[in-house]
PDB file of N, CA and C in Angstrom:
ATOM      1  N   MET A   1      60.716 -55.841 145.955  1.00  0.00           N
ATOM      2  CA  MET A   1      60.208 -55.473 147.259  1.00  0.00           C
ATOM      3  C   MET A   1      60.987 -56.224 148.332  1.00  0.00           C
ATOM      4  N   LYS A   2      61.274 -55.536 149.446  1.00  0.00           N
ATOM      5  CA  LYS A   2      61.948 -56.191 150.570  1.00  0.00           C
ATOM      6  C   LYS A   2      61.444 -55.608 151.872  1.00  0.00           C
ATOM      7  N   LEU A   3      61.537 -56.398 152.917  1.00  0.00           N
ATOM      8  CA  LEU A   3      61.214 -55.909 154.255  1.00  0.00           C
ATOM      9  C   LEU A   3      62.440 -55.185 154.779  1.00  0.00           C
ATOM     10  N   THR A   4      62.251 -54.066 155.458  1.00  0.00           N
ATOM     11  CA  THR A   4      63.405 -53.255 155.846  1.00  0.00           C
ATOM     12  C   THR A   4      63.610 -53.106 157.353  1.00  0.00           C
ATOM     13  N   ALA A   5      62.593 -53.340 158.154  1.00  0.00           N
ATOM     14  CA  ALA A   5      62.749 -53.194 159.603  1.00  0.00           C
ATOM     15  C   ALA A   5      61.568 -53.853 160.288  1.00  0.00           C
ATOM     16  N   ILE A   6      61.740 -54.108 161.568  1.00  0.00           N
ATOM     17  CA  ILE A   6      60.641 -54.616 162.383  1.00  0.00           C
ATOM     18  C   ILE A   6      60.678 -53.877 163.719  1.00  0.00           C
ATOM     19  N   HIS A   7      59.504 -53.478 164.184  1.00  0.00           N
ATOM     20  CA  HIS A   7      59.381 -52.772 165.457  1.00  0.00           C
ATOM     21  C   HIS A   7      58.354 -53.521 166.297  1.00  0.00           C
ATOM     22  N   PRO A   8      58.802 -54.447 167.129  1.00  0.00           N
ATOM     23  CA  PRO A   8      57.844 -55.204 167.934  1.00  0.00           C
ATOM     24  C   PRO A   8      57.083 -54.299 168.890  1.00  0.00           C
ATOM     25  N   LYS A   9      55.844 -54.682 169.179  1.00  0.00           N
ATOM     26  CA  LYS A   9      54.996 -53.963 170.127  1.00  0.00           C
ATOM     27  C   LYS A   9      54.782 -54.873 171.325  1.00  0.00           C
ATOM     28  N   LEU A  10      55.133 -54.368 172.498  1.00  0.00           N
ATOM     29  CA  LEU A  10      55.004 -55.120 173.734  1.00  0.00           C
ATOM     30  C   LEU A  10      54.058 -54.398 174.683  1.00  0.00           C
ATOM     31  N   PRO A  11      53.398 -55.131 175.569  1.00  0.00           N
ATOM     32  CA  PRO A  11      52.501 -54.477 176.528  1.00  0.00           C
ATOM     33  C   PRO A  11      53.259 -53.818 177.672  1.00  0.00           C
ATOM     34  N   MET A  12      52.683 -52.754 178.200  1.00  0.00           N
ATOM     35  CA  MET A  12      53.230 -52.077 179.380  1.00  0.00           C
ATOM     36  C   MET A  12      52.072 -51.692 180.287  1.00  0.00           C
ATOM     37  N   ARG A  13      52.310 -51.773 181.577  1.00  0.00           N
ATOM     38  CA  ARG A  13      51.277 -51.366 182.542  1.00  0.00           C
ATOM     39  C   ARG A  13      51.388 -49.894 182.892  1.00  0.00           C
ATOM     40  N   ASN A  14      52.606 -49.371 182.959  1.00  0.00           N
ATOM     41  CA  ASN A  14      52.827 -48.007 183.396  1.00  0.00           C
ATOM     42  C   ASN A  14      53.903 -47.381 182.504  1.00  0.00           C
ATOM     43  N   LYS A  15      53.506 -46.408 181.742  1.00  0.00           N
ATOM     44  CA  LYS A  15      54.398 -45.794 180.752  1.00  0.00           C
ATOM     45  C   LYS A  15      55.653 -45.205 181.385  1.00  0.00           C
ATOM     46  N   SER A  16      55.527 -44.502 182.491  1.00  0.00           N
ATOM     47  CA  SER A  16      56.710 -43.866 183.077  1.00  0.00           C
ATOM     48  C   SER A  16      57.684 -44.902 183.632  1.00  0.00           C
ATOM     49  N   ILE A  17      57.186 -45.988 184.206  1.00  0.00           N
ATOM     50  CA  ILE A  17      58.071 -47.045 184.703  1.00  0.00           C
ATOM     51  C   ILE A  17      58.797 -47.726 183.543  1.00  0.00           C
ATOM     52  N   THR A  18      58.063 -48.023 182.471  1.00  0.00           N
ATOM     53  CA  THR A  18      58.673 -48.647 181.292  1.00  0.00           C
ATOM     54  C   THR A  18      59.715 -47.729 180.678  1.00  0.00           C
ATOM     55  N   ARG A  19      59.368 -46.466 180.490  1.00  0.00           N
ATOM     56  CA  ARG A  19      60.310 -45.498 179.914  1.00  0.00           C
ATOM     57  C   ARG A  19      61.567 -45.388 180.783  1.00  0.00           C
ATOM     58  N   ASP A  20      61.395 -45.280 182.077  1.00  0.00           N
ATOM     59  CA  ASP A  20      62.534 -45.156 182.982  1.00  0.00           C
ATOM     60  C   ASP A  20      63.449 -46.375 182.899  1.00  0.00           C
ATOM     61  N   PHE A  21      62.888 -47.572 182.897  1.00  0.00           N
ATOM     62  CA  PHE A  21      63.690 -48.793 182.830  1.00  0.00           C
ATOM     63  C   PHE A  21      64.509 -48.853 181.536  1.00  0.00           C
ATOM     64  N   TYR A  22      63.852 -48.646 180.413  1.00  0.00           N
ATOM     65  CA  TYR A  22      64.535 -48.767 179.125  1.00  0.00           C
ATOM     66  C   TYR A  22      65.545 -47.639 178.902  1.00  0.00           C
ATOM     67  N   VAL A  23      65.219 -46.444 179.322  1.00  0.00           N
ATOM     68  CA  VAL A  23      66.124 -45.306 179.122  1.00  0.00           C
ATOM     69  C   VAL A  23      67.288 -45.341 180.107  1.00  0.00           C
ATOM     70  N   HIS A  24      66.995 -45.476 181.393  1.00  0.00           N
ATOM     71  CA  HIS A  24      68.046 -45.365 182.404  1.00  0.00           C
ATOM     72  C   HIS A  24      68.801 -46.659 182.680  1.00  0.00           C
ATOM     73  N   LYS A  25      68.181 -47.799 182.488  1.00  0.00           N
ATOM     74  CA  LYS A  25      68.849 -49.076 182.755  1.00  0.00           C
ATOM     75  C   LYS A  25      69.450 -49.695 181.486  1.00  0.00           C
ATOM     76  N   LEU A  26      68.716 -49.591 180.356  1.00  0.00           N
ATOM     77  CA  LEU A  26      69.161 -50.268 179.139  1.00  0.00           C
ATOM     78  C   LEU A  26      69.773 -49.340 178.100  1.00  0.00           C
ATOM     79  N   GLY A  27      69.672 -48.041 178.303  1.00  0.00           N
ATOM     80  CA  GLY A  27      70.313 -47.098 177.390  1.00  0.00           C
ATOM     81  C   GLY A  27      69.527 -46.750 176.142  1.00  0.00           C
ATOM     82  N   PHE A  28      68.221 -46.962 176.147  1.00  0.00           N
ATOM     83  CA  PHE A  28      67.383 -46.577 175.011  1.00  0.00           C
ATOM     84  C   PHE A  28      67.097 -45.081 175.088  1.00  0.00           C
ATOM     85  N   SER A  29      66.550 -44.533 174.014  1.00  0.00           N
ATOM     86  CA  SER A  29      66.102 -43.147 174.002  1.00  0.00           C
ATOM     87  C   SER A  29      64.728 -43.085 173.339  1.00  0.00           C
ATOM     88  N   LEU A  30      64.059 -41.964 173.516  1.00  0.00           N
ATOM     89  CA  LEU A  30      62.738 -41.785 172.927  1.00  0.00           C
ATOM     90  C   LEU A  30      62.840 -41.598 171.422  1.00  0.00           C
ATOM     91  N   CYS A  31      61.847 -42.107 170.696  1.00  0.00           N
ATOM     92  CA  CYS A  31      61.738 -41.866 169.258  1.00  0.00           C
ATOM     93  C   CYS A  31      60.920 -40.600 169.063  1.00  0.00           C
ATOM     94  N   GLY A  32      61.514 -39.600 168.484  1.00  0.00           N
ATOM     95  CA  GLY A  32      60.791 -38.369 168.221  1.00  0.00           C
ATOM     96  C   GLY A  32      60.496 -37.573 169.478  1.00  0.00           C
ATOM     97  N   THR A  33      59.659 -36.552 169.306  1.00  0.00           N
ATOM     98  CA  THR A  33      59.346 -35.648 170.413  1.00  0.00           C
ATOM     99  C   THR A  33      57.872 -35.664 170.787  1.00  0.00           C
ATOM    100  N   THR A  34      57.057 -36.381 170.030  1.00  0.00           N
ATOM    101  CA  THR A  34      55.626 -36.429 170.317  1.00  0.00           C
ATOM    102  C   THR A  34      55.348 -37.483 171.375  1.00  0.00           C
ATOM    103  N   ASP A  35      54.553 -37.114 172.379  1.00  0.00           N
ATOM    104  CA  ASP A  35      54.164 -38.036 173.439  1.00  0.00           C
ATOM    105  C   ASP A  35      52.747 -38.514 173.155  1.00  0.00           C
ATOM    106  N   TYR A  36      52.609 -39.783 172.773  1.00  0.00           N
ATOM    107  CA  TYR A  36      51.307 -40.354 172.452  1.00  0.00           C
ATOM    108  C   TYR A  36      50.693 -40.985 173.697  1.00  0.00           C
ATOM    109  N   GLU A  37      49.448 -40.696 173.948  1.00  0.00           N
ATOM    110  CA  GLU A  37      48.768 -41.262 175.113  1.00  0.00           C
ATOM    111  C   GLU A  37      48.668 -42.782 174.962  1.00  0.00           C
ATOM    112  N   GLY A  38      49.134 -43.499 175.978  1.00  0.00           N
ATOM    113  CA  GLY A  38      49.021 -44.943 175.981  1.00  0.00           C
ATOM    114  C   GLY A  38      49.967 -45.666 175.049  1.00  0.00           C
ATOM    115  N   TYR A  39      50.956 -44.964 174.513  1.00  0.00           N
ATOM    116  CA  TYR A  39      51.879 -45.582 173.552  1.00  0.00           C
ATOM    117  C   TYR A  39      53.273 -45.005 173.770  1.00  0.00           C
ATOM    118  N   LEU A  40      54.279 -45.850 173.613  1.00  0.00           N
ATOM    119  CA  LEU A  40      55.659 -45.441 173.840  1.00  0.00           C
ATOM    120  C   LEU A  40      56.543 -46.046 172.761  1.00  0.00           C
ATOM    121  N   MET A  41      57.418 -45.239 172.183  1.00  0.00           N
ATOM    122  CA  MET A  41      58.351 -45.711 171.159  1.00  0.00           C
ATOM    123  C   MET A  41      59.772 -45.398 171.618  1.00  0.00           C
ATOM    124  N   LEU A  42      60.600 -46.438 171.686  1.00  0.00           N
ATOM    125  CA  LEU A  42      61.975 -46.291 172.143  1.00  0.00           C
ATOM    126  C   LEU A  42      62.933 -46.884 171.124  1.00  0.00           C
ATOM    127  N   LYS A  43      64.175 -46.362 171.118  1.00  0.00           N
ATOM    128  CA  LYS A  43      65.164 -46.866 170.170  1.00  0.00           C
ATOM    129  C   LYS A  43      66.531 -46.953 170.832  1.00  0.00           C
ATOM    130  N   LYS A  44      67.329 -47.834 170.282  1.00  0.00           N
ATOM    131  CA  LYS A  44      68.736 -47.939 170.660  1.00  0.00           C
ATOM    132  C   LYS A  44      69.462 -48.474 169.440  1.00  0.00           C
ATOM    133  N   ASP A  45      70.474 -47.749 169.021  1.00  0.00           N
ATOM    134  CA  ASP A  45      71.240 -48.120 167.833  1.00  0.00           C
ATOM    135  C   ASP A  45      70.292 -48.303 166.652  1.00  0.00           C
ATOM    136  N   ASP A  46      70.208 -49.511 166.085  1.00  0.00           N
ATOM    137  CA  ASP A  46      69.385 -49.734 164.888  1.00  0.00           C
ATOM    138  C   ASP A  46      68.046 -50.394 165.175  1.00  0.00           C
ATOM    139  N   ILE A  47      67.644 -50.480 166.442  1.00  0.00           N
ATOM    140  CA  ILE A  47      66.365 -51.140 166.733  1.00  0.00           C
ATOM    141  C   ILE A  47      65.402 -50.180 167.418  1.00  0.00           C
ATOM    142  N   GLU A  48      64.125 -50.487 167.270  1.00  0.00           N
ATOM    143  CA  GLU A  48      63.056 -49.796 167.983  1.00  0.00           C
ATOM    144  C   GLU A  48      62.176 -50.845 168.637  1.00  0.00           C
ATOM    145  N   ILE A  49      61.679 -50.512 169.822  1.00  0.00           N
ATOM    146  CA  ILE A  49      60.651 -51.308 170.469  1.00  0.00           C
ATOM    147  C   ILE A  49      59.525 -50.349 170.823  1.00  0.00           C
ATOM    148  N   HIS A  50      58.307 -50.738 170.471  1.00  0.00           N
ATOM    149  CA  HIS A  50      57.132 -49.932 170.785  1.00  0.00           C
ATOM    150  C   HIS A  50      56.348 -50.633 171.891  1.00  0.00           C
ATOM    151  N   PHE A  51      55.632 -49.845 172.677  1.00  0.00           N
ATOM    152  CA  PHE A  51      54.856 -50.375 173.794  1.00  0.00           C
ATOM    153  C   PHE A  51      53.452 -49.799 173.751  1.00  0.00           C
ATOM    154  N   PHE A  52      52.478 -50.642 174.032  1.00  0.00           N
ATOM    155  CA  PHE A  52      51.091 -50.201 174.123  1.00  0.00           C
ATOM    156  C   PHE A  52      50.617 -50.388 175.560  1.00  0.00           C
ATOM    157  N   GLU A  53      49.762 -49.478 175.990  1.00  0.00           N
ATOM    158  CA  GLU A  53      49.279 -49.515 177.363  1.00  0.00           C
ATOM    159  C   GLU A  53      48.309 -50.674 177.571  1.00  0.00           C
ATOM    160  N   PHE A  54      48.567 -51.443 178.616  1.00  0.00           N
ATOM    161  CA  PHE A  54      47.709 -52.556 179.019  1.00  0.00           C
ATOM    162  C   PHE A  54      47.761 -52.585 180.545  1.00  0.00           C
ATOM    163  N   THR A  55      47.022 -51.672 181.175  1.00  0.00           N
ATOM    164  CA  THR A  55      47.114 -51.482 182.620  1.00  0.00           C
ATOM    165  C   THR A  55      46.653 -52.698 183.415  1.00  0.00           C
ATOM    166  N   ALA A  56      45.780 -53.520 182.844  1.00  0.00           N
ATOM    167  CA  ALA A  56      45.267 -54.695 183.559  1.00  0.00           C
ATOM    168  C   ALA A  56      46.131 -55.940 183.331  1.00  0.00           C
ATOM    169  N   LEU A  57      47.271 -55.782 182.707  1.00  0.00           N
ATOM    170  CA  LEU A  57      48.140 -56.923 182.403  1.00  0.00           C
ATOM    171  C   LEU A  57      48.642 -57.584 183.684  1.00  0.00           C
ATOM    172  N   PRO A  58      48.357 -58.866 183.887  1.00  0.00           N
ATOM    173  CA  PRO A  58      48.993 -59.576 185.000  1.00  0.00           C
ATOM    174  C   PRO A  58      50.397 -60.007 184.540  1.00  0.00           C
ATOM    175  N   PRO A  59      51.460 -59.466 185.121  1.00  0.00           N
ATOM    176  CA  PRO A  59      52.810 -59.763 184.634  1.00  0.00           C
ATOM    177  C   PRO A  59      53.122 -61.255 184.559  1.00  0.00           C
ATOM    178  N   GLU A  60      52.575 -62.039 185.491  1.00  0.00           N
ATOM    179  CA  GLU A  60      52.854 -63.471 185.475  1.00  0.00           C
ATOM    180  C   GLU A  60      52.176 -64.188 184.305  1.00  0.00           C
ATOM    181  N   GLU A  61      51.296 -63.493 183.588  1.00  0.00           N
ATOM    182  CA  GLU A  61      50.632 -64.075 182.421  1.00  0.00           C
ATOM    183  C   GLU A  61      51.117 -63.442 181.111  1.00  0.00           C
ATOM    184  N   ASN A  62      52.141 -62.617 181.176  1.00  0.00           N
ATOM    185  CA  ASN A  62      52.657 -61.953 179.979  1.00  0.00           C
ATOM    186  C   ASN A  62      53.653 -62.860 179.279  1.00  0.00           C
ATOM    187  N   TYR A  63      53.418 -63.093 178.004  1.00  0.00           N
ATOM    188  CA  TYR A  63      54.316 -63.916 177.207  1.00  0.00           C
ATOM    189  C   TYR A  63      55.015 -63.112 176.119  1.00  0.00           C
ATOM    190  N   GLY A  64      55.087 -61.774 176.303  1.00  0.00           N
ATOM    191  CA  GLY A  64      55.786 -60.933 175.343  1.00  0.00           C
ATOM    192  C   GLY A  64      57.270 -61.284 175.313  1.00  0.00           C
ATOM    193  N   MET A  65      57.812 -61.479 174.115  1.00  0.00           N
ATOM    194  CA  MET A  65      59.223 -61.847 173.957  1.00  0.00           C
ATOM    195  C   MET A  65      59.805 -61.188 172.721  1.00  0.00           C
ATOM    196  N   VAL A  66      61.072 -60.796 172.834  1.00  0.00           N
ATOM    197  CA  VAL A  66      61.803 -60.251 171.694  1.00  0.00           C
ATOM    198  C   VAL A  66      63.215 -60.820 171.746  1.00  0.00           C
ATOM    199  N   TYR A  67      63.734 -61.215 170.577  1.00  0.00           N
ATOM    200  CA  TYR A  67      65.119 -61.662 170.457  1.00  0.00           C
ATOM    201  C   TYR A  67      65.879 -60.560 169.733  1.00  0.00           C
ATOM    202  N   ILE A  68      66.937 -60.054 170.358  1.00  0.00           N
ATOM    203  CA  ILE A  68      67.695 -58.924 169.819  1.00  0.00           C
ATOM    204  C   ILE A  68      69.136 -59.353 169.593  1.00  0.00           C
ATOM    205  N   ARG A  69      69.609 -59.202 168.382  1.00  0.00           N
ATOM    206  CA  ARG A  69      70.999 -59.547 168.065  1.00  0.00           C
ATOM    207  C   ARG A  69      71.909 -58.359 168.350  1.00  0.00           C
ATOM    208  N   THR A  70      73.132 -58.673 168.763  1.00  0.00           N
ATOM    209  CA  THR A  70      74.132 -57.651 169.036  1.00  0.00           C
ATOM    210  C   THR A  70      75.476 -58.098 168.480  1.00  0.00           C
ATOM    211  N   ASP A  71      76.362 -57.148 168.242  1.00  0.00           N
ATOM    212  CA  ASP A  71      77.692 -57.501 167.730  1.00  0.00           C
ATOM    213  C   ASP A  71      78.736 -57.577 168.838  1.00  0.00           C
ATOM    214  N   ASP A  72      78.322 -57.314 170.110  1.00  0.00           N
ATOM    215  CA  ASP A  72      79.261 -57.400 171.229  1.00  0.00           C
ATOM    216  C   ASP A  72      78.502 -57.803 172.492  1.00  0.00           C
ATOM    217  N   ILE A  73      78.179 -59.071 172.568  1.00  0.00           N
ATOM    218  CA  ILE A  73      77.362 -59.593 173.663  1.00  0.00           C
ATOM    219  C   ILE A  73      78.045 -59.436 175.011  1.00  0.00           C
ATOM    220  N   GLU A  74      79.363 -59.600 175.053  1.00  0.00           N
ATOM    221  CA  GLU A  74      80.088 -59.496 176.322  1.00  0.00           C
ATOM    222  C   GLU A  74      79.988 -58.082 176.891  1.00  0.00           C
ATOM    223  N   HIS A  75      80.191 -57.091 176.049  1.00  0.00           N
ATOM    224  CA  HIS A  75      80.123 -55.695 176.490  1.00  0.00           C
ATOM    225  C   HIS A  75      78.702 -55.331 176.911  1.00  0.00           C
ATOM    226  N   LEU A  76      77.715 -55.763 176.160  1.00  0.00           N
ATOM    227  CA  LEU A  76      76.328 -55.478 176.500  1.00  0.00           C
ATOM    228  C   LEU A  76      75.963 -56.094 177.857  1.00  0.00           C
ATOM    229  N   TYR A  77      76.346 -57.344 178.054  1.00  0.00           N
ATOM    230  CA  TYR A  77      76.089 -58.035 179.317  1.00  0.00           C
ATOM    231  C   TYR A  77      76.744 -57.278 180.479  1.00  0.00           C
ATOM    232  N   GLN A  78      77.988 -56.882 180.293  1.00  0.00           N
ATOM    233  CA  GLN A  78      78.714 -56.149 181.332  1.00  0.00           C
ATOM    234  C   GLN A  78      78.039 -54.811 181.632  1.00  0.00           C
ATOM    235  N   SER A  79      77.599 -54.109 180.597  1.00  0.00           N
ATOM    236  CA  SER A  79      76.956 -52.807 180.821  1.00  0.00           C
ATOM    237  C   SER A  79      75.647 -52.964 181.582  1.00  0.00           C
ATOM    238  N   PHE A  80      74.902 -54.032 181.318  1.00  0.00           N
ATOM    239  CA  PHE A  80      73.668 -54.272 182.062  1.00  0.00           C
ATOM    240  C   PHE A  80      73.988 -54.590 183.521  1.00  0.00           C
ATOM    241  N   GLN A  81      75.012 -55.371 183.759  1.00  0.00           N
ATOM    242  CA  GLN A  81      75.397 -55.679 185.133  1.00  0.00           C
ATOM    243  C   GLN A  81      75.816 -54.411 185.875  1.00  0.00           C
ATOM    244  N   GLU A  82      76.556 -53.538 185.214  1.00  0.00           N
ATOM    245  CA  GLU A  82      76.975 -52.281 185.830  1.00  0.00           C
ATOM    246  C   GLU A  82      75.789 -51.376 186.159  1.00  0.00           C
ATOM    247  N   ASN A  83      74.694 -51.501 185.381  1.00  0.00           N
ATOM    248  CA  ASN A  83      73.480 -50.715 185.619  1.00  0.00           C
ATOM    249  C   ASN A  83      72.489 -51.448 186.522  1.00  0.00           C
ATOM    250  N   SER A  84      72.932 -52.530 187.155  1.00  0.00           N
ATOM    251  CA  SER A  84      72.099 -53.316 188.072  1.00  0.00           C
ATOM    252  C   SER A  84      70.833 -53.853 187.414  1.00  0.00           C
ATOM    253  N   VAL A  85      70.941 -54.261 186.153  1.00  0.00           N
ATOM    254  CA  VAL A  85      69.834 -54.908 185.459  1.00  0.00           C
ATOM    255  C   VAL A  85      69.855 -56.383 185.852  1.00  0.00           C
ATOM    256  N   ALA A  86      68.750 -56.864 186.376  1.00  0.00           N
ATOM    257  CA  ALA A  86      68.669 -58.268 186.799  1.00  0.00           C
ATOM    258  C   ALA A  86      68.654 -59.185 185.577  1.00  0.00           C
ATOM    259  N   ILE A  87      69.563 -60.136 185.568  1.00  0.00           N
ATOM    260  CA  ILE A  87      69.599 -61.147 184.516  1.00  0.00           C
ATOM    261  C   ILE A  87      68.599 -62.234 184.899  1.00  0.00           C
ATOM    262  N   HIS A  88      67.839 -62.713 183.933  1.00  0.00           N
ATOM    263  CA  HIS A  88      66.846 -63.749 184.192  1.00  0.00           C
ATOM    264  C   HIS A  88      67.532 -64.969 184.808  1.00  0.00           C
ATOM    265  N   PRO A  89      66.945 -65.574 185.844  1.00  0.00           N
ATOM    266  CA  PRO A  89      67.586 -66.724 186.503  1.00  0.00           C
ATOM    267  C   PRO A  89      67.917 -67.871 185.545  1.00  0.00           C
ATOM    268  N   ASN A  90      67.116 -68.044 184.511  1.00  0.00           N
ATOM    269  CA  ASN A  90      67.378 -69.090 183.518  1.00  0.00           C
ATOM    270  C   ASN A  90      68.041 -68.529 182.269  1.00  0.00           C
ATOM    271  N   GLY A  91      68.547 -67.300 182.333  1.00  0.00           N
ATOM    272  CA  GLY A  91      69.071 -66.649 181.144  1.00  0.00           C
ATOM    273  C   GLY A  91      70.453 -66.074 181.305  1.00  0.00           C
ATOM    274  N   GLN A  92      71.298 -66.713 182.097  1.00  0.00           N
ATOM    275  CA  GLN A  92      72.678 -66.236 182.256  1.00  0.00           C
ATOM    276  C   GLN A  92      73.417 -66.305 180.915  1.00  0.00           C
ATOM    277  N   LEU A  93      74.427 -65.480 180.773  1.00  0.00           N
ATOM    278  CA  LEU A  93      75.208 -65.454 179.543  1.00  0.00           C
ATOM    279  C   LEU A  93      75.904 -66.796 179.340  1.00  0.00           C
ATOM    280  N   GLU A  94      75.615 -67.428 178.211  1.00  0.00           N
ATOM    281  CA  GLU A  94      76.237 -68.703 177.875  1.00  0.00           C
ATOM    282  C   GLU A  94      76.090 -68.978 176.391  1.00  0.00           C
ATOM    283  N   THR A  95      76.908 -69.892 175.906  1.00  0.00           N
ATOM    284  CA  THR A  95      76.785 -70.349 174.527  1.00  0.00           C
ATOM    285  C   THR A  95      75.791 -71.496 174.503  1.00  0.00           C
ATOM    286  N   LYS A  96      74.756 -71.342 173.714  1.00  0.00           N
ATOM    287  CA  LYS A  96      73.677 -72.323 173.633  1.00  0.00           C
ATOM    288  C   LYS A  96      74.069 -73.460 172.691  1.00  0.00           C
ATOM    289  N   PRO A  97      73.390 -74.613 172.786  1.00  0.00           N
ATOM    290  CA  PRO A  97      73.708 -75.742 171.901  1.00  0.00           C
ATOM    291  C   PRO A  97      73.589 -75.409 170.416  1.00  0.00           C
ATOM    292  N   TRP A  98      72.778 -74.398 170.065  1.00  0.00           N
ATOM    293  CA  TRP A  98      72.605 -74.014 168.664  1.00  0.00           C
ATOM    294  C   TRP A  98      73.664 -73.007 168.210  1.00  0.00           C
ATOM    295  N   GLY A  99      74.652 -72.727 169.083  1.00  0.00           N
ATOM    296  CA  GLY A  99      75.799 -71.918 168.691  1.00  0.00           C
ATOM    297  C   GLY A  99      75.716 -70.439 168.996  1.00  0.00           C
ATOM    298  N   GLN A 100      74.583 -69.968 169.488  1.00  0.00           N
ATOM    299  CA  GLN A 100      74.438 -68.553 169.822  1.00  0.00           C
ATOM    300  C   GLN A 100      74.890 -68.308 171.257  1.00  0.00           C
ATOM    301  N   ARG A 101      75.548 -67.187 171.478  1.00  0.00           N
ATOM    302  CA  ARG A 101      75.909 -66.733 172.831  1.00  0.00           C
ATOM    303  C   ARG A 101      74.782 -65.806 173.247  1.00  0.00           C
ATOM    304  N   GLU A 102      74.085 -66.116 174.352  1.00  0.00           N
ATOM    305  CA  GLU A 102      72.858 -65.417 174.705  1.00  0.00           C
ATOM    306  C   GLU A 102      72.749 -65.150 176.203  1.00  0.00           C
ATOM    307  N   PHE A 103      71.915 -64.148 176.529  1.00  0.00           N
ATOM    308  CA  PHE A 103      71.427 -63.940 177.889  1.00  0.00           C
ATOM    309  C   PHE A 103      70.060 -63.275 177.797  1.00  0.00           C
ATOM    310  N   SER A 104      69.307 -63.325 178.901  1.00  0.00           N
ATOM    311  CA  SER A 104      67.940 -62.799 178.906  1.00  0.00           C
ATOM    312  C   SER A 104      67.667 -61.962 180.151  1.00  0.00           C
ATOM    313  N   ILE A 105      66.759 -61.009 179.988  1.00  0.00           N
ATOM    314  CA  ILE A 105      66.273 -60.194 181.103  1.00  0.00           C
ATOM    315  C   ILE A 105      64.758 -60.080 180.994  1.00  0.00           C
ATOM    316  N   LEU A 106      64.139 -59.684 182.091  1.00  0.00           N
ATOM    317  CA  LEU A 106      62.721 -59.352 182.092  1.00  0.00           C
ATOM    318  C   LEU A 106      62.583 -57.860 182.349  1.00  0.00           C
ATOM    319  N   ASP A 107      61.678 -57.213 181.617  1.00  0.00           N
ATOM    320  CA  ASP A 107      61.417 -55.804 181.899  1.00  0.00           C
ATOM    321  C   ASP A 107      60.379 -55.709 183.019  1.00  0.00           C
ATOM    322  N   PRO A 108      59.975 -54.516 183.434  1.00  0.00           N
ATOM    323  CA  PRO A 108      59.044 -54.383 184.561  1.00  0.00           C
ATOM    324  C   PRO A 108      57.680 -55.063 184.351  1.00  0.00           C
ATOM    325  N   ASP A 109      57.338 -55.377 183.105  1.00  0.00           N
ATOM    326  CA  ASP A 109      56.053 -56.021 182.810  1.00  0.00           C
ATOM    327  C   ASP A 109      56.213 -57.493 182.446  1.00  0.00           C
ATOM    328  N   SER A 110      57.398 -58.040 182.690  1.00  0.00           N
ATOM    329  CA  SER A 110      57.730 -59.442 182.389  1.00  0.00           C
ATOM    330  C   SER A 110      57.809 -59.752 180.904  1.00  0.00           C
ATOM    331  N   ASN A 111      58.077 -58.732 180.079  1.00  0.00           N
ATOM    332  CA  ASN A 111      58.426 -58.998 178.691  1.00  0.00           C
ATOM    333  C   ASN A 111      59.841 -59.566 178.714  1.00  0.00           C
ATOM    334  N   LEU A 112      60.064 -60.691 178.039  1.00  0.00           N
ATOM    335  CA  LEU A 112      61.372 -61.337 178.010  1.00  0.00           C
ATOM    336  C   LEU A 112      62.187 -60.787 176.845  1.00  0.00           C
ATOM    337  N   LEU A 113      63.345 -60.219 177.160  1.00  0.00           N
ATOM    338  CA  LEU A 113      64.277 -59.741 176.141  1.00  0.00           C
ATOM    339  C   LEU A 113      65.481 -60.671 176.148  1.00  0.00           C
ATOM    340  N   THR A 114      65.708 -61.342 175.036  1.00  0.00           N
ATOM    341  CA  THR A 114      66.869 -62.211 174.896  1.00  0.00           C
ATOM    342  C   THR A 114      67.818 -61.548 173.920  1.00  0.00           C
ATOM    343  N   PHE A 115      69.080 -61.427 174.330  1.00  0.00           N
ATOM    344  CA  PHE A 115      70.118 -60.821 173.509  1.00  0.00           C
ATOM    345  C   PHE A 115      71.044 -61.932 173.043  1.00  0.00           C
ATOM    346  N   GLY A 116      71.402 -61.905 171.776  1.00  0.00           N
ATOM    347  CA  GLY A 116      72.240 -62.970 171.244  1.00  0.00           C
ATOM    348  C   GLY A 116      73.236 -62.495 170.215  1.00  0.00           C
ATOM    349  N   ALA A 117      74.301 -63.283 170.091  1.00  0.00           N
ATOM    350  CA  ALA A 117      75.357 -63.035 169.101  1.00  0.00           C
ATOM    351  C   ALA A 117      75.877 -64.385 168.637  1.00  0.00           C
ATOM    352  N   ASP A 118      76.430 -64.400 167.442  1.00  0.00           N
ATOM    353  CA  ASP A 118      77.041 -65.633 166.957  1.00  0.00           C
ATOM    354  C   ASP A 118      78.122 -66.055 167.915  1.00  0.00           C
ATOM    355  N   GLY A 119      78.124 -67.345 168.274  1.00  0.00           N
ATOM    356  CA  GLY A 119      79.095 -67.876 169.239  1.00  0.00           C
ATOM    357  C   GLY A 119      80.401 -68.088 168.653  1.00  0.00           C
TER     358      GLY A 119
END
């Protein structure tokens, strides 16, 4: 037996805003053709992120986080900059003391997405 994939579930306040950000800014696409009320499934390359509706979520109290590995951190960072994706003020692209090259962004609900690659 082995584990084969993980699909984190993050909170969202507004499905259309979340979908628009991930699709138009980050390059994700919808999983399948079924539209589930209060739930959103998005994919890009080999990953999926799912979202559940939490309309009362105070963004400043959201601690949702995902670490996503990539094989070309420089290109990904550049593509986000070209799409006017705000880089987290404390998450600029840099090589961390633990050897990973990383940067971070916040989505519209303050879920922290950190992207990393071997340094």
